[in-house]
Amino acid sequence: MSRTGCILRFCLYSFHSSTRNLRISSNQLLGRSYSITPITLSRSTLTKENGRKVVTSSGNYLFNLQFNVFRKGYASYPDHTAVPLPALSPTMEMGTIISWEKKEGDKLNEGDLLAEIETDKATMGFETPEEGYLARILIPGGTKDVAIGKLVCIIVPNAEDIPAFKDYKEEGGAKPTTSTSSPLSPPSPPSPPSPPPKPSAKPAQGSTAPTTAHTSVPPSEGRVFASPFARALAAERGIDLTTIGKGSGMFGSIKAADLDGAQVTPARTVSPVSVAGVSASYADVSISNIRNVIAKRLVQSKQTIPHYYLTSEIEMDTVLQLREQFNKQLSKDNVKLSVNDFVIKAAAVACMRVPEANSSWMDTVIRQYNSVDVSVAVSTDRGLITPIVFGAERKGLVEISAAVKELAGKARAGKLQPHEFQGGTFSVSNLGMYGIHHFSAIINPPQACILALGGTTQKVVIADNVKGYKSITVMYATLSCDHRVVDGAVGAQWLSHFKSFLSNPAAILL
């Protein structure tokens, strides 16, 4: 065993001395960390001090077993469970406790909703880790930026133990100190006294001390030389420095002492000037965890991913006619397809034709995915979130429609689970319902492409008929590509397949 000490966690440890044996079972070790520090002593004893078991053995070592209790309480508290803030998503670093669903003193059953926590992705429910009673809430509801691992509450197995935690604080009970003094603990060596500061050397009388040479420059006419403090003081008192004349400082500069007794200059009347924005009222809006993460990821995307954009005009008359026909047939089942359902299906099939668009840049390799998991951008009150339609290339239009409606509802209610919005291989963002005809979207890393869709609009084109023209419905689609993964020609191929699938939607139904 090393003389520098070691840490034992969840193990069986036996210590043998010349007079007695100490055996600690795995049940006693459960949930504790033990710091073992060896020190040579000359007698054999077994004592118990301040919740620490101290064993000494003649000619051997002293082992201080210091408990960092999670499952069981410390010596000064009954048995309890200290519950830390968990990581509810892989990228979560901090969380906001929106509200507590239980009050102090409430009975808790395993699986009960304990609190609502806003992560960097969504608002999620935090379930009770075990049965018992909620003895103490350490972090009140509404607290923002709570670090992962910080204790949020205390759970006890027995209701009669609740009053013992009325004044419980994390600093006092959550982290046992390892510097508790003991009669058997050797005193730490005193730190050496710091040497006294050396006195500054003064030149001897009669000797010439080296000085920095100053070049005498007469002050410029019309310019007032003054110390920064004197200028600030004069401005505060309303004193015109030009009326003071020569000051007592170097080269006649004005010092603060020169302002005593100076005459206050009456303020000049200035006509009000209207400056745009100076008097505008405003309100500061706090940044949610979701908004903060969105901001960081968007900046990361634009700074690290070489974007380029491809736009195509797609005729939508056939899709609109087929959608109307399907909706009539599905009306009895209360199913209504949207244009976005056709878009998701066409995008997924196009990704199977051009797998480069369904890939990710992984620094050392380009990872191509075998299935197309389409991230659909959904706007919520808390910010943008992208729930995922998994395996969209294998799903029918009705399945896609049902999945999108369910995910969008959960997203707006803040009830998405991590697996429903983490990942994705391709993204679709549609702003057509807001009257937007064309826009370019920012890639969602580590994906390589995102498709931006505008609304449909009427357009007159030349036609081989009596009138010589006809009116068609078109939609503009813009594909944002990561040039590290998708070359320009490859992106154009994907957009060509996507356009053909929407122009002839029967191809994606086969």
Foldseek 3Di string as FASTA:
>chain_A
DDQAWDKDAQDWDKDDAPPDIDTDDSVNRHQWIFTWHWDADADFDWDAPQQWTWTHHHRTTITTTDTQHAQQFGPLAGGKHFDWAADQAPPFFFKAFAAAPDDALDWAAFQQFGTWIQTLAFIETDTDHHTAGFQFAADHHGDTGHGGGHGGTMGDHDSVRSVSCPPPDCVVTNGDDPPDDDPPDDDDDDDDDDDDDDDDDDDDPPDDDDDDDDDDDADDPPDAAEDPVLVVVCVVQQADRVVLFFDPDPNRHHYNVSCVPGDHDDDDDDDDDDDPPPPDDDDDDDAHSNNVVVVVQLVVLVVPFDKDKDKDKFFQPVVVVVQVVVCVVCVVVVFHFDVVLLLLQLLQVLCVVQQLQQWFDPPVDIGGDPAFWEFEWAQEPNGIATFTDTRSPPDDSRVSRVVVVVVNVCRNVRHDRNVRGPDGREYEYEPQVVVDQDDDDGDRPRHFKYKYKHHKDKDKDADPDPVRIDITIIIMMMMMGRCVRAPPVSVVSSVVSSSVCSNPVVVSVD
